[in-house]
Every structure is written in C-alpha cells, then in structure tokens.
Amino acid sequence: MSKLNRRRFLIYSSATIGSSIFLKACVNNSPSTTNSPTASPVAAASGDTIKVGILHSLSGTMAISEKSVVDAEKLAIKEINAAGGVLNKQIEAIIEDGASNWDTFREKASKLIDQDKVAVVFGCWTSASRKNVKPVFESKDHMLWYPVQYEGQECSKNIFYTGAAPNQQIEPSVDWLLKNKGKEFFLIGSDYVFPRTANNIIKAQLQALGGKTVGEDYLPLGSTEVTPIITKIKQNLPNGGVIYNTLNGDSNVAFFKQLKGAGLTPDKYPSMSVSIAEEEVKAIGVEYLKDHYAAWNYFQTVESPANKKFVEAFKKEYGADRVTNDPMEAAYIAVYLWKQAVEKAGTPDLAKVRAAAYGQTIDAPEGKVTVNANHHISKVVRIGQVRDDGLFNIVYATPAPVEPVPWNQFVKETKGFACDWSDPAKGGKYKKA
C-alpha cells in the first residue's frame, strides 16, 4: 500500500469509527451465482428495517475516490433514520467492498440481492464496475443507483444515474475550452470503457466544431508510468494546448506531479479533468493542480442554503478538514430520491418504486434536480478552476439545469436516439421522430 493510500485509509478509518448510523458491515466474501432467483424487496422491508446495499471500492486504486462516496451515503441514511426513516422503518445499510476489481463488484452485487435481500443498491464508480454489475441487476430485475458522471451510451431499466450524462459534463466543457483555451486537444485517459467512449465523443465533437485532436493515449487503471505520455504531449503540443484528462484513481497522482515537473504549466497547458474533484485535489496536492480545471455539476463552493446545510452536516459528521465533491453529492441525493420514490409508492416493491421515481425532485446541494423517465436527472453544468485552498473557483455555470441525453448526438451510430422507460413502446433506446 502506498504512503498516500495508507494515510488516506487512516483518515477514513478515524472519521468513520464510532458513527451512530444503523449500519451492518459485511465480511462474507463468498460469491453468489447470478442465476439465483430474484430477491423480493418486500422481504428486505420485513421487521423494523429496510435493508439497502452500499457497494463501492474501499480498497485498491479506486479507494482514493470511492471511500468518501460511502461516507456521503451513510450520512444521508443517518439523517433519514433520525427523521423517522422510510415508511416508518429504519434503513439498515449493508456495506460491501468492490475492491477496485470488477469481478468482485459482480459477486458482491449478487450477494447483496440474493443473500442479504436488499431493497436497492447504491454503488459503483467506474463504468467498468457498472458494466460488470449491470447484467446482475437486469437478470434479477433489481435496482442500482449509480452516482458518478459517465460516458453515456446506455440506458438501463434497472439503473438510475444521478451523475452527469456526457451532455451535462463532457460536451459543455469541450465547448468552453474551444471558446476560451484553444483548438488543439491531447486526450489522456485510463484504459477502460469510460475514457475510451468519452474520448470518442470528444473527437466527434471537436471534428464537428472545428477543433483538432492532436494525440490520444491511455494508461492501465492504477498505472503510474506516465513519462511516455508526458513526452508525447510535449511533442504533439510544442507551443501549448489543451489536455483533456479522463484518468481515474491513483494514476492522477503521478500524472500531475510529472506534468508540473516537466514544466507543462496550466497557463500554456491547461487540463480539464472529469474525475478529479475536491477529494482528489486534497490527496494529490494543490501545488500540482492549482489553476487546472474540472467539469462537474457540483462543487463545494456552490452558494446555496441547501449546499451550506450539506457541507456543514458532512464536516460535523466526519471532521472539519473533510471536503465534499460531485460524486459524493450525487450519491447523497440518490438516497433521498430513492426514499421519496418509496414513500410515493407506499412500498419498496421495485416496479412501483421505479414508476414512482419519475418526476421526483429535490432541492439538492447542486441545485434543483428532477428524475427523468430516461433514469437520469436534470443538472446544472459547472466548470471550476483549482484555487490555493484546494477548492474550486466556479468560472462557468449554465443558467438552468440541463436535461440529460444518454444516447450521444455527436456520435453517428446513436444520433437521433433517446430513452423513455415510462413508455414500454420506447424503453431504453428508440428513434425520435
């Protein structure tokens, strides 16, 4: 374990010990078969509690990002329980560690559904983990709430996506960069589905809008061998240009340290990241990220009564030195949106909760959000620049929430397609008239 991860683990552990939330940590690692019969959500609500699953990486390369998402979900559950719970029952959270291993995510998803008989699962970060559990939730007709921005090109009946679709993060950030920072882009990402799909969207968008992709390279997830990529950036952008960064996890630590070490400073080589938020800035070091950019829907610096309340509650629970970020906020509101849907349905029955979720709205820390029939939510788009204290100065925000578009309209194969689960004749992918 690296020195950085040891330190973050100790911080995380000390912040969570002694929490009064009604949680049950599970250590049974035996995999479950995905062919088991679907667990009844009504069974999950028997007795005085409603069981829910939390499935994120508490170890491995993605723990740098996912541990704090668990903290946010636990905070929402604690608040809901203190206010009376759901349907007069307390929420019992069963926590599993996906361990940054996509097969482990699949096994733990099956366990939560079949053995623990949870009513819902809040989980995943990477698209690789989501893609691996998606067949589990679909074959068992169960429900996952997924809290992280992603590459789109998906619309599952069994997943609610509370992070951004590409038109709510990637596309607006490319527009902003073209107008404000330059036309030449070098694309760097981790080697899995999200960065590769996101970069295909970016390349199509640049081609359509008069930009240029001068280079593209990938690192295995968790790799720190960034020197060859730094060399390629210097060769392909000798006079400066935009670096669009879709690296995830610990790779960002090595990348930004070496980027600064090579003299590629943000005045000439501004980077736009879509997986670096306040938590990662704190871990990597503000001295390496100052003046670089990130695109999200939420930053801790959003000024609103709802966000003030959220930040204060989080710091009170976990420590004044902790920060909030977009995936944490999207995970936090997912628990509340699910609660509202259950209460509207009057039951944790999956089909009824799914139908009741459509149109649910909440005054979230990021602003007003609404669940759409395509299982995504409307969101304000924001671009932030890292400042001296490691938080973000918001340099751009859309004037109103942007409606989600899961099927990308820049990519030829999906242009003209949409998703609507409220209409069985349309479903997950249909051609708009």
Protein backbone atom coordinates (compact mmCIF):
# COMPACT_ATOMS: atom_id res chain seq x y z
CA MET A 1 0.00 0.00 0.00
CA SER A 2 1.40 3.40 -0.97
CA LYS A 3 2.17 6.04 1.62
CA LEU A 4 -0.64 8.15 0.18
CA ASN A 5 -3.20 5.38 0.44
CA ARG A 6 -2.09 4.42 3.95
CA ARG A 7 -2.58 7.99 5.05
CA ARG A 8 -5.99 8.23 3.37
CA PHE A 9 -7.04 4.91 4.88
CA LEU A 10 -6.16 6.10 8.36
CA ILE A 11 -8.01 9.36 7.82
CA TYR A 12 -11.03 7.49 6.54
CA SER A 13 -10.97 5.00 9.40
CA SER A 14 -10.72 7.62 12.11
CA ALA A 15 -13.56 9.58 10.51
CA THR A 16 -15.92 6.64 10.47
CA ILE A 17 -15.19 4.89 13.79
CA GLY A 18 -17.94 5.49 16.29
CA SER A 19 -20.60 6.54 13.80
CA SER A 20 -24.04 6.09 15.27
CA ILE A 21 -25.66 5.26 11.95
CA PHE A 22 -27.52 1.97 11.78
CA LEU A 23 -25.04 0.07 9.59
CA LYS A 24 -24.11 -3.55 9.17
CA ALA A 25 -20.64 -4.15 7.70
CA CYS A 26 -20.47 -7.47 5.88
CA VAL A 27 -17.35 -9.55 5.55
CA ASN A 28 -18.78 -12.63 3.84
CA ASN A 29 -16.76 -12.83 0.64
CA SER A 30 -18.36 -15.91 -0.84
CA PRO A 31 -19.62 -15.19 -4.36
CA SER A 32 -23.23 -15.76 -5.30
CA THR A 33 -24.42 -17.11 -8.60
CA THR A 34 -26.23 -14.67 -10.88
CA ASN A 35 -28.72 -17.42 -11.69
CA SER A 36 -30.31 -17.28 -8.25
CA PRO A 37 -33.97 -16.25 -8.13
CA THR A 38 -34.65 -12.55 -7.74
CA ALA A 39 -34.87 -11.48 -4.11
CA SER A 40 -38.13 -9.86 -3.07
CA PRO A 41 -37.71 -6.21 -2.00
CA VAL A 42 -40.68 -6.72 0.30
CA ALA A 43 -38.58 -9.26 2.22
CA ALA A 44 -35.92 -6.58 2.63
CA ALA A 45 -38.51 -4.47 4.47
CA SER A 46 -39.60 -7.15 6.93
CA GLY A 47 -39.34 -6.31 10.61
CA ASP A 48 -38.30 -2.84 11.74
CA THR A 49 -35.80 -2.07 8.97
CA ILE A 50 -35.44 -1.76 5.22
CA LYS A 51 -32.14 -3.22 4.04
CA VAL A 52 -30.15 -1.37 1.40
CA GLY A 53 -26.82 -2.24 -0.15
CA ILE A 54 -23.77 0.02 -0.48
CA LEU A 55 -21.19 -1.27 -2.96
CA HIS A 56 -18.03 0.75 -3.57
CA SER A 57 -14.25 0.25 -3.56
CA LEU A 58 -12.91 0.60 -0.03
CA SER A 59 -9.55 -0.82 -1.14
CA GLY A 60 -7.45 -0.78 -4.30
CA THR A 61 -6.72 2.01 -6.75
CA MET A 62 -10.25 3.46 -6.74
CA ALA A 63 -10.48 3.76 -2.95
CA ILE A 64 -8.94 7.24 -3.31
CA SER A 65 -12.32 8.34 -4.71
CA GLU A 66 -14.94 5.87 -3.53
CA LYS A 67 -14.47 5.86 0.25
CA SER A 68 -15.87 9.37 0.52
CA VAL A 69 -18.89 8.41 -1.58
CA VAL A 70 -19.69 5.77 1.04
CA ASP A 71 -19.41 8.45 3.72
CA ALA A 72 -21.96 10.60 1.87
CA GLU A 73 -24.41 7.71 1.50
CA LYS A 74 -24.04 6.87 5.19
CA LEU A 75 -24.72 10.49 6.11
CA ALA A 76 -27.94 10.53 4.07
CA ILE A 77 -29.07 7.29 5.71
CA LYS A 78 -28.28 8.63 9.18
CA GLU A 79 -30.26 11.80 8.51
CA ILE A 80 -33.24 9.88 7.12
CA ASN A 81 -33.23 7.49 10.07
CA ALA A 82 -33.09 10.39 12.53
CA ALA A 83 -36.12 11.92 10.81
CA GLY A 84 -38.17 8.72 11.15
CA GLY A 85 -36.82 6.50 8.39
CA VAL A 86 -38.72 5.27 5.34
CA LEU A 87 -42.31 4.06 5.70
CA ASN A 88 -41.74 4.24 9.47
CA LYS A 89 -38.84 1.80 9.18
CA GLN A 90 -35.14 2.43 9.79
CA ILE A 91 -32.71 1.94 6.91
CA GLU A 92 -30.16 -0.82 7.52
CA ALA A 93 -27.15 -0.39 5.26
CA ILE A 94 -25.10 -3.44 4.31
CA ILE A 95 -21.69 -2.33 3.04
CA GLU A 96 -19.58 -4.36 0.62
CA ASP A 97 -16.10 -3.62 -0.78
CA GLY A 98 -15.79 -3.93 -4.55
CA ALA A 99 -12.01 -3.73 -4.01
CA SER A 100 -11.39 -1.99 -7.37
CA ASN A 101 -11.98 -5.38 -9.00
CA TRP A 102 -14.82 -5.64 -11.49
CA ASP A 103 -15.43 -9.35 -10.91
CA THR A 104 -15.66 -8.67 -7.18
CA PHE A 105 -18.27 -6.00 -7.85
CA ARG A 106 -20.37 -8.55 -9.72
CA GLU A 107 -20.04 -11.15 -6.95
CA LYS A 108 -20.91 -8.64 -4.22
CA ALA A 109 -23.90 -7.33 -6.18
CA SER A 110 -25.26 -10.88 -6.38
CA LYS A 111 -24.65 -11.38 -2.66
CA LEU A 112 -26.48 -8.21 -1.70
CA ILE A 113 -29.50 -9.19 -3.79
CA ASP A 114 -29.68 -12.94 -3.15
CA GLN A 115 -28.31 -13.39 0.38
CA ASP A 116 -28.93 -10.04 2.04
CA LYS A 117 -32.15 -9.42 0.09
CA VAL A 118 -31.67 -5.67 -0.05
CA ALA A 119 -34.38 -3.41 -1.46
CA VAL A 120 -31.89 -1.36 -3.51
CA VAL A 121 -28.15 -0.94 -4.06
CA PHE A 122 -26.26 2.35 -4.12
CA GLY A 123 -22.93 1.71 -5.74
CA CYS A 124 -20.05 1.68 -8.25
CA TRP A 125 -17.78 4.43 -9.55
CA THR A 126 -16.03 3.30 -12.72
CA SER A 127 -18.01 2.34 -15.79
CA ALA A 128 -16.14 -0.96 -15.75
CA SER A 129 -17.68 -1.81 -12.39
CA ARG A 130 -21.12 -0.62 -13.51
CA LYS A 131 -20.92 -2.62 -16.75
CA ASN A 132 -19.99 -5.73 -14.75
CA VAL A 133 -22.92 -5.45 -12.33
CA LYS A 134 -25.46 -4.31 -14.93
CA PRO A 135 -26.29 -7.88 -16.11
CA VAL A 136 -26.82 -8.90 -12.47
CA PHE A 137 -29.37 -6.17 -11.83
CA GLU A 138 -31.08 -6.76 -15.17
CA SER A 139 -31.28 -10.56 -14.89
CA LYS A 140 -32.71 -10.25 -11.37
CA ASP A 141 -34.84 -7.20 -12.24
CA HIS A 142 -33.34 -5.31 -9.30
CA MET A 143 -32.30 -1.66 -8.80
CA LEU A 144 -28.95 0.18 -8.72
CA TRP A 145 -28.50 3.91 -8.10
CA TYR A 146 -25.22 4.96 -9.74
CA PRO A 147 -23.73 8.31 -8.57
CA VAL A 148 -20.90 9.16 -10.94
CA GLN A 149 -20.64 11.03 -14.24
CA TYR A 150 -20.14 8.58 -17.09
CA GLU A 151 -19.81 8.15 -20.85
CA GLY A 152 -23.49 7.65 -21.66
CA GLN A 153 -24.42 5.28 -24.50
CA GLU A 154 -26.50 3.30 -22.01
CA CYS A 155 -29.99 3.47 -20.53
CA SER A 156 -30.91 0.53 -18.31
CA LYS A 157 -34.34 -0.07 -16.80
CA ASN A 158 -32.58 -1.28 -13.65
CA ILE A 159 -30.18 1.64 -13.10
CA PHE A 160 -30.83 5.23 -12.04
CA TYR A 161 -27.94 7.52 -12.97
CA THR A 162 -27.55 10.52 -10.64
CA GLY A 163 -24.21 11.65 -12.09
CA ALA A 164 -23.86 13.51 -15.38
CA ALA A 165 -24.51 12.22 -18.86
CA PRO A 166 -21.93 13.47 -21.41
CA ASN A 167 -24.11 16.41 -22.46
CA GLN A 168 -24.12 17.53 -18.81
CA GLN A 169 -20.34 17.49 -18.34
CA ILE A 170 -18.06 16.45 -21.21
CA GLU A 171 -19.72 18.27 -24.11
CA PRO A 172 -20.18 21.65 -22.33
CA SER A 173 -16.59 21.53 -21.07
CA VAL A 174 -15.28 20.95 -24.61
CA ASP A 175 -17.39 23.89 -25.84
CA TRP A 176 -15.96 26.09 -23.09
CA LEU A 177 -12.38 25.03 -23.82
CA LEU A 178 -12.76 25.72 -27.53
CA LYS A 179 -14.03 29.22 -26.79
CA ASN A 180 -11.56 30.04 -24.03
CA LYS A 181 -8.42 27.87 -24.18
CA GLY A 182 -7.61 26.66 -27.67
CA LYS A 183 -8.49 24.35 -30.56
CA GLU A 184 -5.83 21.65 -30.18
CA PHE A 185 -6.51 18.83 -27.72
CA PHE A 186 -4.42 15.95 -26.40
CA LEU A 187 -6.61 13.23 -24.84
CA ILE A 188 -5.30 11.13 -21.96
CA GLY A 189 -7.30 8.50 -20.08
CA SER A 190 -7.32 5.26 -18.16
CA ASP A 191 -7.66 2.21 -20.36
CA TYR A 192 -11.25 1.11 -19.88
CA VAL A 193 -14.72 1.83 -21.21
CA PHE A 194 -15.41 5.33 -19.81
CA PRO A 195 -12.30 7.15 -21.05
CA ARG A 196 -12.33 5.45 -24.45
CA THR A 197 -16.02 6.13 -25.05
CA ALA A 198 -15.72 9.67 -23.68
CA ASN A 199 -12.79 10.37 -25.99
CA ASN A 200 -14.73 9.04 -28.99
CA ILE A 201 -17.42 11.59 -28.14
CA ILE A 202 -14.84 14.37 -27.72
CA LYS A 203 -13.19 13.55 -31.05
CA ALA A 204 -16.54 13.62 -32.84
CA GLN A 205 -17.43 16.90 -31.13
CA LEU A 206 -14.09 18.51 -31.99
CA GLN A 207 -14.43 17.45 -35.61
CA ALA A 208 -17.92 18.96 -35.77
CA LEU A 209 -16.91 22.23 -34.10
CA GLY A 210 -13.57 22.95 -35.75
CA GLY A 211 -11.24 21.65 -33.06
CA LYS A 212 -8.42 19.15 -33.53
CA THR A 213 -7.32 16.02 -31.69
CA VAL A 214 -3.52 16.04 -31.89
CA GLY A 215 -2.91 12.97 -29.73
CA GLU A 216 -4.58 10.29 -27.64
CA ASP A 217 -3.09 7.87 -25.12
CA TYR A 218 -4.15 5.54 -22.30
CA LEU A 219 -2.77 4.07 -19.10
CA PRO A 220 -3.85 0.82 -17.44
CA LEU A 221 -6.01 1.71 -14.45
CA GLY A 222 -3.69 2.31 -11.49
CA SER A 223 -0.54 2.64 -13.61
CA THR A 224 1.97 5.38 -12.74
CA GLU A 225 4.10 5.03 -15.90
CA VAL A 226 3.21 8.48 -17.20
CA THR A 227 6.59 9.66 -18.54
CA PRO A 228 5.98 8.42 -22.13
CA ILE A 229 2.65 10.26 -22.24
CA ILE A 230 4.22 13.49 -20.95
CA THR A 231 6.77 13.18 -23.76
CA LYS A 232 4.01 12.71 -26.36
CA ILE A 233 2.13 15.75 -25.07
CA LYS A 234 5.24 17.91 -25.47
CA GLN A 235 5.84 16.53 -28.97
CA ASN A 236 2.24 17.00 -30.15
CA LEU A 237 1.63 20.34 -28.43
CA PRO A 238 5.05 22.04 -28.67
CA ASN A 239 3.53 25.50 -28.27
CA GLY A 240 0.93 24.58 -25.69
CA GLY A 241 -2.65 23.38 -25.90
CA VAL A 242 -5.49 21.68 -24.06
CA ILE A 243 -5.04 18.42 -22.15
CA TYR A 244 -8.35 16.61 -21.68
CA ASN A 245 -7.93 14.20 -18.79
CA THR A 246 -10.09 11.12 -18.17
CA LEU A 247 -7.62 9.32 -15.92
CA ASN A 248 -9.15 7.73 -12.82
CA GLY A 249 -7.72 6.72 -9.45
CA ASP A 250 -4.08 6.87 -8.37
CA SER A 251 -2.76 7.45 -11.91
CA ASN A 252 -3.68 11.11 -11.49
CA VAL A 253 -1.14 11.50 -8.67
CA ALA A 254 1.80 10.54 -10.87
CA PHE A 255 0.45 12.40 -13.92
CA PHE A 256 0.05 15.82 -12.33
CA LYS A 257 3.29 15.62 -10.39
CA GLN A 258 5.23 14.80 -13.56
CA LEU A 259 3.27 17.29 -15.63
CA LYS A 260 4.44 20.08 -13.35
CA GLY A 261 7.93 18.58 -13.16
CA ALA A 262 8.17 18.71 -16.96
CA GLY A 263 7.26 22.39 -16.95
CA LEU A 264 3.85 21.92 -18.56
CA THR A 265 2.08 24.58 -16.51
CA PRO A 266 -1.63 25.46 -16.79
CA ASP A 267 -1.01 28.85 -18.37
CA LYS A 268 0.14 27.07 -21.57
CA TYR A 269 -1.13 23.53 -20.97
CA PRO A 270 -4.48 23.84 -19.19
CA SER A 271 -6.02 20.49 -18.33
CA MET A 272 -9.71 19.71 -17.99
CA SER A 273 -10.45 16.74 -15.74
CA VAL A 274 -13.75 14.93 -15.31
CA SER A 275 -12.73 12.58 -12.49
CA ILE A 276 -10.77 14.95 -10.23
CA ALA A 277 -12.75 16.78 -7.58
CA GLU A 278 -12.05 18.29 -4.16
CA GLU A 279 -11.19 14.95 -2.56
CA GLU A 280 -8.63 14.11 -5.24
CA VAL A 281 -7.09 17.61 -5.17
CA LYS A 282 -6.53 17.19 -1.45
CA ALA A 283 -4.89 13.78 -1.96
CA ILE A 284 -2.72 14.72 -4.97
CA GLY A 285 -1.63 18.11 -3.63
CA VAL A 286 -2.96 21.53 -4.53
CA GLU A 287 0.52 22.63 -5.60
CA TYR A 288 0.28 20.25 -8.58
CA LEU A 289 -3.29 21.14 -9.58
CA LYS A 290 -3.63 24.85 -8.93
CA ASP A 291 -5.18 26.70 -11.91
CA HIS A 292 -6.13 23.50 -13.73
CA TYR A 293 -9.81 22.87 -14.45
CA ALA A 294 -12.51 20.31 -13.75
CA ALA A 295 -16.03 19.94 -15.10
CA TRP A 296 -18.78 18.82 -12.73
CA ASN A 297 -22.32 19.66 -11.72
CA TYR A 298 -21.44 20.35 -8.10
CA PHE A 299 -18.53 21.93 -6.25
CA GLN A 300 -18.22 22.51 -2.52
CA THR A 301 -18.14 26.24 -3.31
CA VAL A 302 -21.71 26.32 -4.72
CA GLU A 303 -23.52 29.07 -2.86
CA SER A 304 -26.97 27.96 -1.72
CA PRO A 305 -28.76 27.23 1.58
CA ALA A 306 -29.04 23.53 0.64
CA ASN A 307 -25.31 23.25 0.00
CA LYS A 308 -24.41 25.16 3.17
CA LYS A 309 -26.51 22.66 5.14
CA PHE A 310 -24.92 19.67 3.35
CA VAL A 311 -21.32 20.83 3.82
CA GLU A 312 -21.87 21.68 7.48
CA ALA A 313 -23.53 18.31 8.16
CA PHE A 314 -20.75 16.40 6.40
CA LYS A 315 -17.99 18.21 8.27
CA LYS A 316 -19.80 17.79 11.58
CA GLU A 317 -20.06 14.04 10.96
CA TYR A 318 -16.58 13.37 9.59
CA GLY A 319 -14.31 16.27 10.55
CA ALA A 320 -13.75 19.92 9.69
CA ASP A 321 -10.84 19.04 7.39
CA ARG A 322 -13.02 16.90 5.09
CA VAL A 323 -14.29 18.18 1.75
CA THR A 324 -17.36 17.44 -0.34
CA ASN A 325 -17.42 16.80 -4.09
CA ASP A 326 -19.69 15.95 -7.02
CA PRO A 327 -19.87 12.13 -6.77
CA MET A 328 -20.42 12.42 -3.02
CA GLU A 329 -23.27 14.86 -3.55
CA ALA A 330 -24.79 12.73 -6.32
CA ALA A 331 -24.63 9.70 -4.01
CA TYR A 332 -26.13 11.67 -1.12
CA ILE A 333 -29.13 12.85 -3.14
CA ALA A 334 -29.63 9.37 -4.67
CA VAL A 335 -30.56 8.05 -1.22
CA TYR A 336 -33.06 10.87 -0.76
CA LEU A 337 -34.58 10.46 -4.23
CA TRP A 338 -34.99 6.72 -3.63
CA LYS A 339 -36.62 7.46 -0.25
CA GLN A 340 -39.10 9.83 -1.88
CA ALA A 341 -39.95 7.25 -4.54
CA VAL A 342 -40.50 4.52 -1.92
CA GLU A 343 -42.78 6.81 0.08
CA LYS A 344 -44.76 7.80 -3.00
CA ALA A 345 -45.11 4.12 -3.96
CA GLY A 346 -46.01 3.19 -0.38
CA THR A 347 -43.84 0.09 -0.68
CA PRO A 348 -40.25 -0.90 -1.55
CA ASP A 349 -41.61 -3.04 -4.41
CA LEU A 350 -39.15 -2.48 -7.25
CA ALA A 351 -41.60 -1.93 -10.11
CA LYS A 352 -43.69 0.51 -8.07
CA VAL A 353 -40.64 2.41 -6.83
CA ARG A 354 -39.30 2.66 -10.38
CA ALA A 355 -42.53 4.20 -11.63
CA ALA A 356 -42.77 6.49 -8.60
CA ALA A 357 -39.21 7.79 -9.16
CA TYR A 358 -40.13 9.56 -12.41
CA GLY A 359 -40.59 13.25 -11.74
CA GLN A 360 -39.14 13.14 -8.24
CA THR A 361 -37.42 16.41 -7.50
CA ILE A 362 -35.24 17.69 -4.68
CA ASP A 363 -33.62 20.96 -3.72
CA ALA A 364 -30.17 19.41 -3.85
CA PRO A 365 -26.86 20.99 -2.81
CA GLU A 366 -26.09 21.34 -6.55
CA GLY A 367 -29.47 22.98 -7.20
CA LYS A 368 -32.88 21.65 -8.13
CA VAL A 369 -32.73 18.22 -9.76
CA THR A 370 -35.50 16.12 -11.29
CA VAL A 371 -35.56 12.42 -12.15
CA ASN A 372 -36.41 11.93 -15.83
CA ALA A 373 -38.12 8.95 -17.43
CA ASN A 374 -34.75 8.08 -19.00
CA HIS A 375 -33.46 7.32 -15.46
CA HIS A 376 -31.08 10.29 -15.49
CA ILE A 377 -31.55 13.62 -13.74
CA SER A 378 -31.52 17.24 -14.88
CA LYS A 379 -28.41 19.06 -13.64
CA VAL A 380 -26.67 22.44 -13.80
CA VAL A 381 -23.27 22.20 -15.53
CA ARG A 382 -20.30 23.89 -13.86
CA ILE A 383 -16.61 24.37 -14.62
CA GLY A 384 -14.22 25.07 -11.78
CA GLN A 385 -10.59 26.14 -11.53
CA VAL A 386 -8.45 24.86 -8.66
CA ARG A 387 -7.57 27.63 -6.24
CA ASP A 388 -4.99 27.98 -3.45
CA ASP A 389 -7.07 26.25 -0.78
CA GLY A 390 -7.78 23.18 -2.94
CA LEU A 391 -11.39 24.12 -3.59
CA PHE A 392 -12.71 25.32 -6.94
CA ASN A 393 -13.48 28.78 -8.19
CA ILE A 394 -16.58 28.32 -10.37
CA VAL A 395 -15.76 30.04 -13.67
CA TYR A 396 -18.80 28.87 -15.64
CA ALA A 397 -22.30 27.58 -14.90
CA THR A 398 -25.34 27.02 -17.08
CA PRO A 399 -28.23 29.34 -16.18
CA ALA A 400 -30.62 26.41 -15.69
CA PRO A 401 -30.49 22.62 -15.28
CA VAL A 402 -29.58 20.75 -18.47
CA GLU A 403 -31.81 17.85 -19.46
CA PRO A 404 -29.90 14.54 -19.74
CA VAL A 405 -29.24 12.91 -23.12
CA PRO A 406 -27.93 9.35 -22.57
CA TRP A 407 -27.51 8.50 -26.28
CA ASN A 408 -24.90 10.82 -27.73
CA GLN A 409 -25.92 13.12 -30.55
CA PHE A 410 -22.38 13.71 -31.87
CA VAL A 411 -21.74 10.00 -32.45
CA LYS A 412 -23.16 8.83 -35.78
CA GLU A 413 -24.40 5.46 -34.50
CA THR A 414 -26.55 6.97 -31.71
CA LYS A 415 -27.60 10.31 -33.19
CA GLY A 416 -31.36 10.67 -33.06
CA PHE A 417 -31.91 8.04 -30.36
CA ALA A 418 -33.47 8.58 -26.95
CA CYS A 419 -34.69 6.62 -23.91
CA ASP A 420 -38.04 6.63 -22.09
CA TRP A 421 -38.82 3.92 -19.54
CA SER A 422 -42.24 5.40 -18.75
CA ASP A 423 -43.41 4.18 -22.16
CA PRO A 424 -42.91 0.43 -22.75
CA ALA A 425 -43.08 1.01 -26.50
CA LYS A 426 -39.97 3.21 -26.29
CA GLY A 427 -37.86 1.75 -23.48
CA GLY A 428 -34.10 2.03 -23.37
CA LYS A 429 -33.46 3.08 -26.97
CA TYR A 430 -35.82 4.40 -29.60
CA LYS A 431 -35.53 6.61 -32.65
CA LYS A 432 -37.01 10.07 -32.10
CA ALA A 433 -39.45 11.26 -34.73
